[in-house]
Amino acid sequence: MGEYELHSFILACDFRVDDTAAMWEWLTKHRQGLSDIGAHHVVLYESIWEPRRVLVTIGIRHPQSIRDVLRSPAIFEWFNISGAADIPPIFGGEVVEKIDLHSGSPERPPGDVVLGVMTSVEDVAALMVKVHDGLDRFQRGGVRQVWVYRALDDGHEVLILQQLADEASARQWIEHPDAAAEWMTIAGLGPYPSRFVGRLTHLMTVDQQG
């Protein structure tokens, strides 16, 4: 999460693929198309507990680009190449806040784990107050970064990405979350996927060739 500039807007999708390598190759071949719709980074996380499950995030420069992507025929081709049986829900949102709790090297140390949750909360502003009140406890629990995004089409829907020190920390955080991390206890309810736990495996800077 620390290798690339903070997204202003994001597209995110949590789904299962037949062949991660083939999907990533397709995305790299469509670099120009991604650039044309305002994408600047594409990041692929692979689940460490669930085979074939991935979380893809695309950093977008402006909100109109999100609408362009969702209307584009290429989105159907992408999921077809991925082997997805159906078009999964796609989160399109804007950043609320990025909180960095890691005081060490700015470089991402090997083994860092990303925990992603898409869900709905009562009040995003109230949630962020709770988060800030609990940051010392988050840090003691192994949380290094917290990124919060709010959906453009729903003021209650959020995507929260947390970077943790290692797999053991992630498991402990899932089993014993802080009360301020209310999204941990409601993850997977309703239309939302269960918690995603994975590692970054691919990163593309869209405007850099090669």
N, C-alpha and C. Protein backbone atom coordinates (compact mmCIF):
# COMPACT_ATOMS: atom_id res chain seq x y z
N MET A 1 0.82 -1.20 0.00
CA MET A 1 0.00 0.00 0.00
C MET A 1 0.86 1.25 0.00
N GLY A 2 2.11 1.15 0.41
CA GLY A 2 2.95 2.33 0.48
C GLY A 2 3.76 2.60 -0.75
N GLU A 3 3.69 1.73 -1.79
CA GLU A 3 4.56 1.90 -2.95
C GLU A 3 4.06 2.95 -3.92
N TYR A 4 2.83 3.34 -3.83
CA TYR A 4 2.29 4.22 -4.85
C TYR A 4 1.50 5.35 -4.22
N GLU A 5 1.37 6.43 -4.96
CA GLU A 5 0.70 7.63 -4.47
C GLU A 5 -0.74 7.32 -4.07
N LEU A 6 -1.19 8.00 -3.04
CA LEU A 6 -2.56 7.82 -2.57
C LEU A 6 -3.56 8.14 -3.67
N HIS A 7 -4.47 7.22 -3.93
CA HIS A 7 -5.52 7.45 -4.92
C HIS A 7 -6.47 8.53 -4.42
N SER A 8 -6.92 9.40 -5.32
CA SER A 8 -8.04 10.27 -4.99
C SER A 8 -9.35 9.50 -5.17
N PHE A 9 -9.40 8.72 -6.24
CA PHE A 9 -10.57 7.89 -6.53
C PHE A 9 -10.09 6.47 -6.82
N ILE A 10 -10.96 5.52 -6.57
CA ILE A 10 -10.54 4.12 -6.71
C ILE A 10 -11.67 3.28 -7.27
N LEU A 11 -11.29 2.31 -8.07
CA LEU A 11 -12.16 1.21 -8.45
C LEU A 11 -11.59 -0.03 -7.79
N ALA A 12 -12.43 -0.84 -7.18
CA ALA A 12 -11.95 -2.04 -6.51
C ALA A 12 -12.92 -3.19 -6.77
N CYS A 13 -12.35 -4.37 -6.92
CA CYS A 13 -13.18 -5.55 -7.18
C CYS A 13 -12.54 -6.76 -6.52
N ASP A 14 -13.36 -7.51 -5.81
CA ASP A 14 -12.94 -8.71 -5.08
C ASP A 14 -13.64 -9.89 -5.75
N PHE A 15 -12.86 -10.80 -6.37
CA PHE A 15 -13.48 -11.90 -7.10
C PHE A 15 -12.49 -13.06 -7.25
N ARG A 16 -12.94 -14.12 -7.87
CA ARG A 16 -12.10 -15.30 -8.08
C ARG A 16 -11.75 -15.44 -9.55
N VAL A 17 -10.54 -15.89 -9.82
CA VAL A 17 -10.04 -15.98 -11.19
C VAL A 17 -9.57 -17.41 -11.47
N ASP A 18 -9.59 -17.76 -12.76
CA ASP A 18 -9.04 -19.06 -13.16
C ASP A 18 -7.52 -19.01 -13.24
N ASP A 19 -7.00 -17.89 -13.76
CA ASP A 19 -5.57 -17.78 -14.03
C ASP A 19 -5.13 -16.35 -13.77
N THR A 20 -4.51 -16.12 -12.61
CA THR A 20 -4.10 -14.77 -12.24
C THR A 20 -3.09 -14.21 -13.22
N ALA A 21 -2.15 -15.03 -13.65
CA ALA A 21 -1.11 -14.56 -14.57
C ALA A 21 -1.71 -14.10 -15.89
N ALA A 22 -2.67 -14.86 -16.41
CA ALA A 22 -3.30 -14.50 -17.68
C ALA A 22 -4.09 -13.20 -17.53
N MET A 23 -4.76 -13.03 -16.40
CA MET A 23 -5.51 -11.80 -16.18
C MET A 23 -4.57 -10.61 -16.11
N TRP A 24 -3.46 -10.76 -15.40
CA TRP A 24 -2.52 -9.65 -15.28
C TRP A 24 -1.89 -9.32 -16.64
N GLU A 25 -1.61 -10.33 -17.43
CA GLU A 25 -1.07 -10.09 -18.77
C GLU A 25 -2.05 -9.29 -19.61
N TRP A 26 -3.34 -9.61 -19.48
CA TRP A 26 -4.36 -8.88 -20.23
C TRP A 26 -4.40 -7.41 -19.79
N LEU A 27 -4.32 -7.19 -18.49
CA LEU A 27 -4.34 -5.82 -17.98
C LEU A 27 -3.14 -5.02 -18.47
N THR A 28 -1.97 -5.63 -18.48
CA THR A 28 -0.77 -4.91 -18.94
C THR A 28 -0.86 -4.59 -20.42
N LYS A 29 -1.48 -5.47 -21.20
CA LYS A 29 -1.65 -5.21 -22.63
C LYS A 29 -2.62 -4.06 -22.88
N HIS A 30 -3.49 -3.77 -21.91
CA HIS A 30 -4.47 -2.71 -22.06
C HIS A 30 -4.06 -1.47 -21.26
N ARG A 31 -2.77 -1.31 -21.09
CA ARG A 31 -2.24 -0.15 -20.35
C ARG A 31 -2.72 1.18 -20.95
N GLN A 32 -2.68 1.27 -22.30
CA GLN A 32 -3.08 2.51 -22.95
C GLN A 32 -4.56 2.80 -22.70
N GLY A 33 -5.38 1.77 -22.77
CA GLY A 33 -6.80 1.95 -22.50
C GLY A 33 -7.05 2.41 -21.08
N LEU A 34 -6.28 1.87 -20.14
CA LEU A 34 -6.40 2.30 -18.75
C LEU A 34 -5.99 3.76 -18.60
N SER A 35 -4.92 4.14 -19.30
CA SER A 35 -4.47 5.53 -19.26
C SER A 35 -5.53 6.46 -19.84
N ASP A 36 -6.18 6.02 -20.91
CA ASP A 36 -7.18 6.85 -21.57
C ASP A 36 -8.37 7.19 -20.66
N ILE A 37 -8.67 6.29 -19.71
CA ILE A 37 -9.80 6.57 -18.82
C ILE A 37 -9.33 7.15 -17.48
N GLY A 38 -8.06 7.56 -17.42
CA GLY A 38 -7.59 8.28 -16.24
C GLY A 38 -7.02 7.42 -15.13
N ALA A 39 -6.73 6.15 -15.42
CA ALA A 39 -6.12 5.29 -14.39
C ALA A 39 -4.64 5.61 -14.26
N HIS A 40 -4.11 5.57 -13.04
CA HIS A 40 -2.68 5.82 -12.87
C HIS A 40 -1.95 4.64 -12.22
N HIS A 41 -2.65 3.81 -11.46
CA HIS A 41 -2.03 2.60 -10.89
C HIS A 41 -3.04 1.46 -10.88
N VAL A 42 -2.53 0.25 -11.08
CA VAL A 42 -3.33 -0.95 -10.92
C VAL A 42 -2.57 -1.85 -9.95
N VAL A 43 -3.27 -2.34 -8.94
CA VAL A 43 -2.65 -3.17 -7.91
C VAL A 43 -3.43 -4.46 -7.77
N LEU A 44 -2.73 -5.57 -7.73
CA LEU A 44 -3.35 -6.88 -7.57
C LEU A 44 -2.86 -7.53 -6.29
N TYR A 45 -3.81 -7.87 -5.43
CA TYR A 45 -3.52 -8.63 -4.21
C TYR A 45 -4.08 -10.04 -4.39
N GLU A 46 -3.31 -11.04 -3.96
CA GLU A 46 -3.79 -12.43 -3.99
C GLU A 46 -4.03 -12.91 -2.57
N SER A 47 -5.14 -13.59 -2.37
CA SER A 47 -5.49 -14.10 -1.05
C SER A 47 -4.46 -15.12 -0.58
N ILE A 48 -4.15 -15.07 0.70
CA ILE A 48 -3.22 -16.05 1.25
C ILE A 48 -3.95 -17.24 1.86
N TRP A 49 -5.27 -17.16 1.96
CA TRP A 49 -6.04 -18.25 2.57
C TRP A 49 -7.03 -18.89 1.61
N GLU A 50 -7.40 -18.20 0.55
CA GLU A 50 -8.42 -18.70 -0.37
C GLU A 50 -7.87 -18.75 -1.79
N PRO A 51 -7.57 -19.93 -2.30
CA PRO A 51 -7.02 -20.04 -3.64
C PRO A 51 -7.89 -19.36 -4.70
N ARG A 52 -7.25 -18.64 -5.61
CA ARG A 52 -7.87 -18.00 -6.77
C ARG A 52 -8.64 -16.73 -6.44
N ARG A 53 -8.69 -16.35 -5.19
CA ARG A 53 -9.38 -15.10 -4.83
C ARG A 53 -8.40 -13.93 -4.92
N VAL A 54 -8.83 -12.85 -5.57
CA VAL A 54 -7.98 -11.69 -5.73
C VAL A 54 -8.76 -10.42 -5.40
N LEU A 55 -8.02 -9.38 -5.07
CA LEU A 55 -8.56 -8.04 -4.91
C LEU A 55 -7.76 -7.14 -5.83
N VAL A 56 -8.45 -6.48 -6.76
CA VAL A 56 -7.80 -5.57 -7.70
C VAL A 56 -8.27 -4.16 -7.40
N THR A 57 -7.31 -3.23 -7.29
CA THR A 57 -7.67 -1.83 -7.12
C THR A 57 -7.04 -1.03 -8.26
N ILE A 58 -7.81 -0.07 -8.78
CA ILE A 58 -7.34 0.79 -9.86
C ILE A 58 -7.46 2.23 -9.38
N GLY A 59 -6.33 2.92 -9.28
CA GLY A 59 -6.33 4.33 -8.91
C GLY A 59 -6.78 5.17 -10.09
N ILE A 60 -7.74 6.04 -9.86
CA ILE A 60 -8.37 6.83 -10.91
C ILE A 60 -8.20 8.32 -10.61
N ARG A 61 -8.00 9.12 -11.65
CA ARG A 61 -7.71 10.54 -11.45
C ARG A 61 -8.96 11.38 -11.17
N HIS A 62 -10.11 11.02 -11.72
CA HIS A 62 -11.30 11.83 -11.52
C HIS A 62 -12.54 10.95 -11.59
N PRO A 63 -13.65 11.35 -10.96
CA PRO A 63 -14.81 10.47 -10.82
C PRO A 63 -15.47 10.09 -12.14
N GLN A 64 -15.41 10.97 -13.15
CA GLN A 64 -16.02 10.62 -14.43
C GLN A 64 -15.40 9.37 -15.01
N SER A 65 -14.11 9.15 -14.75
CA SER A 65 -13.42 7.96 -15.25
C SER A 65 -14.04 6.68 -14.71
N ILE A 66 -14.50 6.72 -13.47
CA ILE A 66 -15.14 5.55 -12.88
C ILE A 66 -16.40 5.20 -13.68
N ARG A 67 -17.19 6.21 -14.01
CA ARG A 67 -18.40 5.97 -14.81
C ARG A 67 -18.03 5.46 -16.20
N ASP A 68 -16.94 5.98 -16.77
CA ASP A 68 -16.50 5.52 -18.09
C ASP A 68 -16.12 4.05 -18.06
N VAL A 69 -15.41 3.64 -17.01
CA VAL A 69 -15.00 2.24 -16.90
C VAL A 69 -16.22 1.34 -16.79
N LEU A 70 -17.17 1.71 -15.96
CA LEU A 70 -18.33 0.87 -15.74
C LEU A 70 -19.22 0.75 -16.97
N ARG A 71 -19.11 1.73 -17.89
CA ARG A 71 -19.88 1.67 -19.13
C ARG A 71 -19.11 1.01 -20.27
N SER A 72 -17.83 0.74 -20.04
CA SER A 72 -16.98 0.25 -21.12
C SER A 72 -17.17 -1.25 -21.37
N PRO A 73 -17.22 -1.68 -22.66
CA PRO A 73 -17.29 -3.11 -22.96
C PRO A 73 -16.06 -3.86 -22.48
N ALA A 74 -14.95 -3.14 -22.28
CA ALA A 74 -13.71 -3.80 -21.85
C ALA A 74 -13.87 -4.44 -20.49
N ILE A 75 -14.76 -3.91 -19.65
CA ILE A 75 -14.93 -4.47 -18.32
C ILE A 75 -15.47 -5.90 -18.41
N PHE A 76 -16.33 -6.15 -19.40
CA PHE A 76 -16.87 -7.50 -19.59
C PHE A 76 -15.77 -8.44 -20.11
N GLU A 77 -14.93 -7.91 -21.00
CA GLU A 77 -13.82 -8.71 -21.51
C GLU A 77 -12.86 -9.07 -20.40
N TRP A 78 -12.61 -8.12 -19.51
CA TRP A 78 -11.69 -8.36 -18.39
C TRP A 78 -12.16 -9.54 -17.55
N PHE A 79 -13.43 -9.54 -17.17
CA PHE A 79 -13.93 -10.62 -16.33
C PHE A 79 -14.03 -11.92 -17.10
N ASN A 80 -14.27 -11.84 -18.40
CA ASN A 80 -14.29 -13.05 -19.21
C ASN A 80 -12.90 -13.68 -19.26
N ILE A 81 -11.88 -12.85 -19.47
CA ILE A 81 -10.50 -13.34 -19.47
C ILE A 81 -10.14 -13.94 -18.11
N SER A 82 -10.66 -13.33 -17.06
CA SER A 82 -10.34 -13.79 -15.71
C SER A 82 -10.99 -15.12 -15.37
N GLY A 83 -12.01 -15.50 -16.13
CA GLY A 83 -12.71 -16.74 -15.85
C GLY A 83 -13.81 -16.58 -14.82
N ALA A 84 -14.19 -15.34 -14.52
CA ALA A 84 -15.26 -15.11 -13.55
C ALA A 84 -16.60 -15.55 -14.15
N ALA A 85 -17.38 -16.27 -13.36
CA ALA A 85 -18.67 -16.77 -13.85
C ALA A 85 -19.66 -15.63 -14.05
N ASP A 86 -19.60 -14.62 -13.20
CA ASP A 86 -20.49 -13.47 -13.28
C ASP A 86 -19.69 -12.20 -13.07
N ILE A 87 -20.27 -11.07 -13.47
CA ILE A 87 -19.63 -9.79 -13.20
C ILE A 87 -19.79 -9.49 -11.71
N PRO A 88 -18.69 -9.43 -10.97
CA PRO A 88 -18.81 -9.19 -9.53
C PRO A 88 -19.10 -7.71 -9.26
N PRO A 89 -19.57 -7.39 -8.05
CA PRO A 89 -19.78 -5.98 -7.69
C PRO A 89 -18.47 -5.21 -7.77
N ILE A 90 -18.55 -3.99 -8.27
CA ILE A 90 -17.38 -3.14 -8.39
C ILE A 90 -17.58 -1.91 -7.51
N PHE A 91 -16.62 -1.66 -6.64
CA PHE A 91 -16.68 -0.50 -5.75
C PHE A 91 -16.00 0.68 -6.43
N GLY A 92 -16.71 1.80 -6.53
CA GLY A 92 -16.13 3.03 -7.05
C GLY A 92 -16.26 4.12 -6.01
N GLY A 93 -15.14 4.64 -5.53
CA GLY A 93 -15.23 5.60 -4.44
C GLY A 93 -14.10 6.60 -4.41
N GLU A 94 -14.15 7.46 -3.41
CA GLU A 94 -13.14 8.49 -3.21
C GLU A 94 -12.52 8.32 -1.83
N VAL A 95 -11.28 8.79 -1.71
CA VAL A 95 -10.58 8.61 -0.45
C VAL A 95 -11.19 9.49 0.63
N VAL A 96 -11.34 8.92 1.82
CA VAL A 96 -11.73 9.68 3.01
C VAL A 96 -10.48 10.08 3.77
N GLU A 97 -9.62 9.08 4.02
CA GLU A 97 -8.37 9.37 4.75
C GLU A 97 -7.42 8.20 4.62
N LYS A 98 -6.14 8.51 4.61
CA LYS A 98 -5.09 7.51 4.72
C LYS A 98 -4.34 7.78 6.02
N ILE A 99 -4.27 6.75 6.88
CA ILE A 99 -3.61 6.89 8.18
C ILE A 99 -2.40 5.96 8.19
N ASP A 100 -1.23 6.50 8.44
CA ASP A 100 0.01 5.72 8.47
C ASP A 100 0.47 5.59 9.91
N LEU A 101 0.52 4.36 10.40
CA LEU A 101 0.93 4.10 11.78
C LEU A 101 2.32 3.48 11.86
N HIS A 102 2.96 3.31 10.72
CA HIS A 102 4.26 2.62 10.68
C HIS A 102 5.36 3.66 10.73
N SER A 103 6.17 3.63 11.77
CA SER A 103 7.21 4.64 11.96
C SER A 103 8.57 4.20 11.43
N GLY A 104 8.63 3.00 10.86
CA GLY A 104 9.90 2.50 10.36
C GLY A 104 10.20 2.95 8.95
N SER A 105 10.87 2.10 8.19
CA SER A 105 11.25 2.41 6.82
C SER A 105 10.02 2.63 5.97
N PRO A 106 10.05 3.61 5.05
CA PRO A 106 8.90 3.82 4.16
C PRO A 106 8.71 2.69 3.16
N GLU A 107 9.73 1.85 3.00
CA GLU A 107 9.61 0.73 2.07
C GLU A 107 8.76 -0.36 2.71
N ARG A 108 7.99 -1.04 1.87
CA ARG A 108 7.14 -2.12 2.37
C ARG A 108 7.98 -3.33 2.72
N PRO A 109 8.08 -3.74 3.97
CA PRO A 109 8.88 -4.91 4.32
C PRO A 109 8.22 -6.19 3.82
N PRO A 110 9.01 -7.22 3.52
CA PRO A 110 8.45 -8.48 3.05
C PRO A 110 7.48 -9.05 4.08
N GLY A 111 6.41 -9.65 3.59
CA GLY A 111 5.48 -10.32 4.48
C GLY A 111 4.30 -9.50 4.92
N ASP A 112 4.28 -8.21 4.57
CA ASP A 112 3.12 -7.41 4.96
C ASP A 112 1.84 -7.99 4.37
N VAL A 113 0.79 -7.93 5.15
CA VAL A 113 -0.51 -8.49 4.76
C VAL A 113 -1.53 -7.37 4.66
N VAL A 114 -2.36 -7.43 3.64
CA VAL A 114 -3.42 -6.45 3.46
C VAL A 114 -4.75 -7.12 3.77
N LEU A 115 -5.56 -6.44 4.57
CA LEU A 115 -6.88 -6.92 4.95
C LEU A 115 -7.89 -5.92 4.39
N GLY A 116 -8.75 -6.38 3.51
CA GLY A 116 -9.72 -5.50 2.88
C GLY A 116 -11.15 -5.85 3.26
N VAL A 117 -11.94 -4.82 3.51
CA VAL A 117 -13.35 -5.00 3.87
C VAL A 117 -14.20 -4.00 3.08
N MET A 118 -15.23 -4.50 2.40
CA MET A 118 -16.25 -3.64 1.80
C MET A 118 -17.53 -3.84 2.62
N THR A 119 -18.12 -2.73 3.06
CA THR A 119 -19.31 -2.86 3.89
C THR A 119 -20.05 -1.53 3.93
N SER A 120 -21.10 -1.48 4.72
CA SER A 120 -21.87 -0.25 4.91
C SER A 120 -21.84 0.12 6.39
N VAL A 121 -21.64 1.40 6.66
CA VAL A 121 -21.60 1.88 8.04
C VAL A 121 -22.65 2.97 8.22
N GLU A 122 -23.03 3.19 9.47
CA GLU A 122 -24.09 4.18 9.76
C GLU A 122 -23.65 5.59 9.39
N ASP A 123 -22.43 5.94 9.79
CA ASP A 123 -21.95 7.32 9.61
C ASP A 123 -20.43 7.28 9.44
N VAL A 124 -19.95 7.66 8.26
CA VAL A 124 -18.52 7.57 7.98
C VAL A 124 -17.73 8.53 8.86
N ALA A 125 -18.23 9.75 9.05
CA ALA A 125 -17.52 10.72 9.88
C ALA A 125 -17.40 10.22 11.32
N ALA A 126 -18.48 9.66 11.85
CA ALA A 126 -18.44 9.13 13.21
C ALA A 126 -17.48 7.95 13.31
N LEU A 127 -17.45 7.14 12.25
CA LEU A 127 -16.52 6.01 12.22
C LEU A 127 -15.08 6.50 12.32
N MET A 128 -14.76 7.57 11.57
CA MET A 128 -13.38 8.07 11.56
C MET A 128 -13.00 8.64 12.92
N VAL A 129 -13.95 9.23 13.64
CA VAL A 129 -13.67 9.70 14.99
C VAL A 129 -13.28 8.53 15.89
N LYS A 130 -14.03 7.45 15.78
CA LYS A 130 -13.71 6.25 16.58
C LYS A 130 -12.34 5.69 16.21
N VAL A 131 -12.05 5.67 14.92
CA VAL A 131 -10.77 5.15 14.46
C VAL A 131 -9.63 5.95 15.06
N HIS A 132 -9.72 7.28 14.99
CA HIS A 132 -8.64 8.11 15.54
C HIS A 132 -8.50 7.92 17.04
N ASP A 133 -9.60 7.72 17.72
CA ASP A 133 -9.53 7.48 19.16
C ASP A 133 -8.84 6.16 19.49
N GLY A 134 -8.90 5.22 18.55
CA GLY A 134 -8.34 3.88 18.81
C GLY A 134 -7.01 3.60 18.16
N LEU A 135 -6.35 4.62 17.58
CA LEU A 135 -5.15 4.36 16.78
C LEU A 135 -4.01 3.72 17.58
N ASP A 136 -3.85 4.10 18.84
CA ASP A 136 -2.80 3.47 19.65
C ASP A 136 -3.04 1.97 19.77
N ARG A 137 -4.29 1.60 19.94
CA ARG A 137 -4.62 0.18 20.07
C ARG A 137 -4.45 -0.53 18.71
N PHE A 138 -4.81 0.16 17.63
CA PHE A 138 -4.60 -0.40 16.30
C PHE A 138 -3.12 -0.74 16.11
N GLN A 139 -2.28 0.22 16.47
CA GLN A 139 -0.84 0.03 16.27
C GLN A 139 -0.33 -1.14 17.10
N ARG A 140 -0.79 -1.25 18.33
CA ARG A 140 -0.38 -2.38 19.17
C ARG A 140 -0.87 -3.70 18.60
N GLY A 141 -1.98 -3.66 17.84
CA GLY A 141 -2.51 -4.87 17.22
C GLY A 141 -1.82 -5.25 15.92
N GLY A 142 -0.81 -4.47 15.53
CA GLY A 142 -0.06 -4.80 14.33
C GLY A 142 -0.51 -4.08 13.08
N VAL A 143 -1.49 -3.18 13.21
CA VAL A 143 -1.97 -2.42 12.04
C VAL A 143 -0.96 -1.32 11.71
N ARG A 144 -0.54 -1.28 10.45
CA ARG A 144 0.44 -0.28 10.03
C ARG A 144 -0.16 0.85 9.22
N GLN A 145 -1.20 0.56 8.46
CA GLN A 145 -1.87 1.59 7.68
C GLN A 145 -3.36 1.30 7.64
N VAL A 146 -4.14 2.36 7.57
CA VAL A 146 -5.59 2.24 7.37
C VAL A 146 -5.98 3.21 6.26
N TRP A 147 -6.56 2.69 5.18
CA TRP A 147 -7.06 3.52 4.10
C TRP A 147 -8.58 3.37 4.06
N VAL A 148 -9.28 4.48 4.03
CA VAL A 148 -10.74 4.46 4.02
C VAL A 148 -11.24 5.18 2.77
N TYR A 149 -12.12 4.50 2.02
CA TYR A 149 -12.74 5.07 0.83
C TYR A 149 -14.26 5.03 1.01
N ARG A 150 -14.94 6.07 0.50
CA ARG A 150 -16.40 6.13 0.54
C ARG A 150 -16.92 6.02 -0.89
N ALA A 151 -17.96 5.20 -1.09
CA ALA A 151 -18.53 5.01 -2.42
C ALA A 151 -19.13 6.31 -2.95
N LEU A 152 -18.95 6.54 -4.23
CA LEU A 152 -19.50 7.75 -4.85
C LEU A 152 -21.02 7.72 -4.92
N ASP A 153 -21.59 6.52 -5.04
CA ASP A 153 -23.04 6.42 -5.22
C ASP A 153 -23.79 6.06 -3.93
N ASP A 154 -23.06 5.95 -2.82
CA ASP A 154 -23.69 5.58 -1.55
C ASP A 154 -22.82 6.11 -0.43
N GLY A 155 -23.30 7.11 0.29
CA GLY A 155 -22.52 7.75 1.33
C GLY A 155 -22.24 6.88 2.54
N HIS A 156 -22.85 5.69 2.60
CA HIS A 156 -22.63 4.79 3.73
C HIS A 156 -21.71 3.62 3.38
N GLU A 157 -21.54 3.37 2.11
CA GLU A 157 -20.73 2.22 1.68
C GLU A 157 -19.26 2.60 1.69
N VAL A 158 -18.43 1.74 2.27
CA VAL A 158 -17.01 2.03 2.39
C VAL A 158 -16.16 0.82 1.98
N LEU A 159 -14.95 1.13 1.56
CA LEU A 159 -13.89 0.14 1.38
C LEU A 159 -12.78 0.53 2.34
N ILE A 160 -12.38 -0.40 3.19
CA ILE A 160 -11.32 -0.13 4.15
C ILE A 160 -10.20 -1.14 3.93
N LEU A 161 -9.01 -0.61 3.64
CA LEU A 161 -7.83 -1.44 3.48
C LEU A 161 -6.92 -1.21 4.67
N GLN A 162 -6.49 -2.31 5.28
CA GLN A 162 -5.58 -2.23 6.43
C GLN A 162 -4.33 -3.03 6.10
N GLN A 163 -3.19 -2.45 6.37
CA GLN A 163 -1.94 -3.18 6.21
C GLN A 163 -1.47 -3.60 7.59
N LEU A 164 -1.16 -4.89 7.72
CA LEU A 164 -0.71 -5.42 9.00
C LEU A 164 0.69 -6.00 8.86
N ALA A 165 1.34 -6.17 10.00
CA ALA A 165 2.74 -6.55 10.00
C ALA A 165 2.99 -7.92 9.38
N ASP A 166 2.10 -8.87 9.64
CA ASP A 166 2.30 -10.22 9.15
C ASP A 166 0.99 -10.99 9.24
N GLU A 167 1.03 -12.25 8.80
CA GLU A 167 -0.18 -13.07 8.79
C GLU A 167 -0.71 -13.33 10.20
N ALA A 168 0.19 -13.54 11.14
CA ALA A 168 -0.24 -13.79 12.52
C ALA A 168 -0.98 -12.58 13.08
N SER A 169 -0.48 -11.38 12.77
CA SER A 169 -1.15 -10.17 13.23
C SER A 169 -2.53 -10.04 12.61
N ALA A 170 -2.62 -10.38 11.32
CA ALA A 170 -3.92 -10.31 10.63
C ALA A 170 -4.92 -11.26 11.25
N ARG A 171 -4.48 -12.48 11.55
CA ARG A 171 -5.38 -13.47 12.14
C ARG A 171 -5.85 -13.01 13.53
N GLN A 172 -4.91 -12.47 14.31
CA GLN A 172 -5.25 -12.00 15.65
C GLN A 172 -6.22 -10.81 15.56
N TRP A 173 -6.01 -9.93 14.59
CA TRP A 173 -6.87 -8.75 14.44
C TRP A 173 -8.29 -9.16 14.02
N ILE A 174 -8.37 -10.18 13.18
CA ILE A 174 -9.69 -10.68 12.76
C ILE A 174 -10.42 -11.32 13.92
N GLU A 175 -9.69 -12.10 14.71
CA GLU A 175 -10.34 -12.82 15.81
C GLU A 175 -10.65 -11.91 17.00
N HIS A 176 -9.84 -10.85 17.18
CA HIS A 176 -10.03 -9.94 18.32
C HIS A 176 -9.87 -8.49 17.86
N PRO A 177 -10.81 -8.01 17.05
CA PRO A 177 -10.70 -6.63 16.56
C PRO A 177 -10.99 -5.62 17.65
N ASP A 178 -10.45 -4.43 17.48
CA ASP A 178 -10.75 -3.35 18.40
C ASP A 178 -12.18 -2.88 18.20
N ALA A 179 -12.79 -2.37 19.25
CA ALA A 179 -14.17 -1.89 19.14
C ALA A 179 -14.31 -0.75 18.14
N ALA A 180 -13.24 0.02 17.94
CA ALA A 180 -13.27 1.13 16.99
C ALA A 180 -13.31 0.64 15.54
N ALA A 181 -12.86 -0.58 15.32
CA ALA A 181 -12.87 -1.15 13.96
C ALA A 181 -14.18 -1.90 13.74
N GLU A 182 -15.27 -1.18 13.78
CA GLU A 182 -16.59 -1.81 13.71
C GLU A 182 -16.80 -2.56 12.40
N TRP A 183 -16.08 -2.16 11.34
CA TRP A 183 -16.24 -2.84 10.06
C TRP A 183 -15.79 -4.29 10.11
N MET A 184 -14.96 -4.65 11.08
CA MET A 184 -14.47 -6.01 11.17
C MET A 184 -15.58 -6.98 11.58
N THR A 185 -16.52 -6.52 12.37
CA THR A 185 -17.56 -7.42 12.88
C THR A 185 -18.76 -7.51 11.94
N ILE A 186 -18.86 -6.58 10.97
CA ILE A 186 -20.00 -6.61 10.05
C ILE A 186 -19.58 -7.00 8.64
N ALA A 187 -18.31 -7.34 8.45
CA ALA A 187 -17.83 -7.74 7.13
C ALA A 187 -18.55 -9.00 6.67
N GLY A 188 -18.91 -9.02 5.39
CA GLY A 188 -19.53 -10.20 4.81
C GLY A 188 -21.03 -10.24 4.94
N LEU A 189 -21.63 -9.24 5.57
CA LEU A 189 -23.08 -9.23 5.72
C LEU A 189 -23.74 -8.67 4.46
N GLY A 190 -24.96 -9.12 4.18
CA GLY A 190 -25.70 -8.61 3.03
C GLY A 190 -25.00 -8.93 1.72
N PRO A 191 -24.90 -7.94 0.83
CA PRO A 191 -24.33 -8.20 -0.50
C PRO A 191 -22.80 -8.16 -0.53
N TYR A 192 -22.17 -7.91 0.62
CA TYR A 192 -20.73 -7.67 0.62
C TYR A 192 -19.93 -8.95 0.79
N PRO A 193 -18.75 -8.99 0.16
CA PRO A 193 -17.90 -10.19 0.31
C PRO A 193 -17.33 -10.28 1.72
N SER A 194 -16.86 -11.45 2.07
CA SER A 194 -16.20 -11.64 3.35
C SER A 194 -14.86 -10.91 3.35
N ARG A 195 -14.22 -10.84 4.50
CA ARG A 195 -12.92 -10.15 4.59
C ARG A 195 -11.93 -10.75 3.60
N PHE A 196 -11.17 -9.88 2.97
CA PHE A 196 -10.11 -10.33 2.08
C PHE A 196 -8.78 -10.19 2.82
N VAL A 197 -7.99 -11.28 2.83
CA VAL A 197 -6.68 -11.26 3.46
C VAL A 197 -5.67 -11.72 2.42
N GLY A 198 -4.76 -10.85 2.05
CA GLY A 198 -3.83 -11.22 0.99
C GLY A 198 -2.55 -10.41 1.00
N ARG A 199 -1.74 -10.65 -0.03
CA ARG A 199 -0.48 -9.93 -0.21
C ARG A 199 -0.43 -9.32 -1.60
N LEU A 200 0.25 -8.21 -1.70
CA LEU A 200 0.44 -7.57 -2.99
C LEU A 200 1.33 -8.44 -3.86
N THR A 201 0.87 -8.76 -5.07
CA THR A 201 1.67 -9.58 -5.97
C THR A 201 2.00 -8.89 -7.28
N HIS A 202 1.20 -7.89 -7.70
CA HIS A 202 1.49 -7.16 -8.93
C HIS A 202 1.13 -5.70 -8.74
N LEU A 203 1.97 -4.83 -9.32
CA LEU A 203 1.73 -3.40 -9.29
C LEU A 203 2.12 -2.82 -10.64
N MET A 204 1.22 -2.06 -11.24
CA MET A 204 1.51 -1.42 -12.52
C MET A 204 1.29 0.08 -12.41
N THR A 205 2.32 0.84 -12.77
CA THR A 205 2.17 2.27 -12.94
C THR A 205 1.78 2.50 -14.39
N VAL A 206 0.57 2.97 -14.61
CA VAL A 206 -0.03 2.95 -15.95
C VAL A 206 0.74 3.79 -16.95
N ASP A 207 1.29 4.93 -16.52
CA ASP A 207 1.96 5.79 -17.49
C ASP A 207 3.43 5.48 -17.67
N GLN A 208 3.89 4.33 -17.12
CA GLN A 208 5.26 3.88 -17.35
C GLN A 208 5.23 2.61 -18.18
N GLN A 209 5.91 2.62 -19.31
CA GLN A 209 5.94 1.46 -20.18
C GLN A 209 6.99 0.46 -19.71
N GLY A 210 6.76 -0.82 -20.07
CA GLY A 210 7.72 -1.84 -19.76
C GLY A 210 7.38 -2.63 -18.52
